[in-house]
Every structure is written in structure tokens, then in C-alpha cells.
């Protein structure tokens, strides 16, 4: 059994489920999800396909995951109505590497009739890689 298979089995044993997504979201994954007390956690098992030329997880891959997560959190908060990103702020705090499981979480900071403000993080092995915030417009 190879290392990737072992990592995937460990994720499943910890309650994570791999999700098939359509469109662009399928490109930065595969995406994993796990229900937690106060919402959902999202994750990506970083592979060589997620790396930049320097050998670290590409900032664009982290931003794509983060954008997906804050949009999903806003979608739930908006009564499962479609939301689109109108602003995304990110700060890169540490580098990710192939083989790491990137865990992303978000929480609603504030919601109005037309906007949802979401804060979130991406971490791996207790090291925060990205912290950010987003403004989502409810369009559905």
C-alpha cells in the first residue's frame, strides 16, 4: 500500500469524506469534508499537483480552497441560496508541502439581507498556513 492510500484511509477513519465536485472546484481537490459541532470542515490532501515551482503548495491553490470554503459557509448562512465572492482577503502565514492535509474552516462574522461576511483559516498539522476574510453577496 502506498503513502497516499494510507493517508486517505486515515482521513476516512477520522470521519472525513471525499466529495466529487463539478467545474473548477474539482481542480483544486479532491475536496474532503467532515461535519463538526458548529459546522463543516473542509480539506485537501496536498500532492505534487498543488505545488509551485519552489516545491510548496501554490498560493493560488490555497486561495481557491479558501474561496470555496467561505462561499460554502455563506451559502449555509444564507439559507442555501447562492453566494458570490465580492471581496477576498488573505494572509499567507506558512508554507504547505506535498503530503500535508490542508484543513479549512470558516465562520460567519456578520450577515445582512444581501451580504455575508466570513472569516476563516487553512491549517495543517496545527500550523496555520492562511488566515483571511471574505464578503459574499447573496444572489440566489
Foldseek 3Di string as FASTA:
>chain_A
DDPVVVVVVVCVVVAKDFDCDDDPCNVLASKIWHADDVGIKIKHQAAQSQADPVQWRDPVSVVSVQLVQQQVQVCVVLVNFGKDFPDKDKDFDDTHHHRWMKMKHKDFPDDDNFKTKIWIFIDTPPHTGMTIITIITGDD
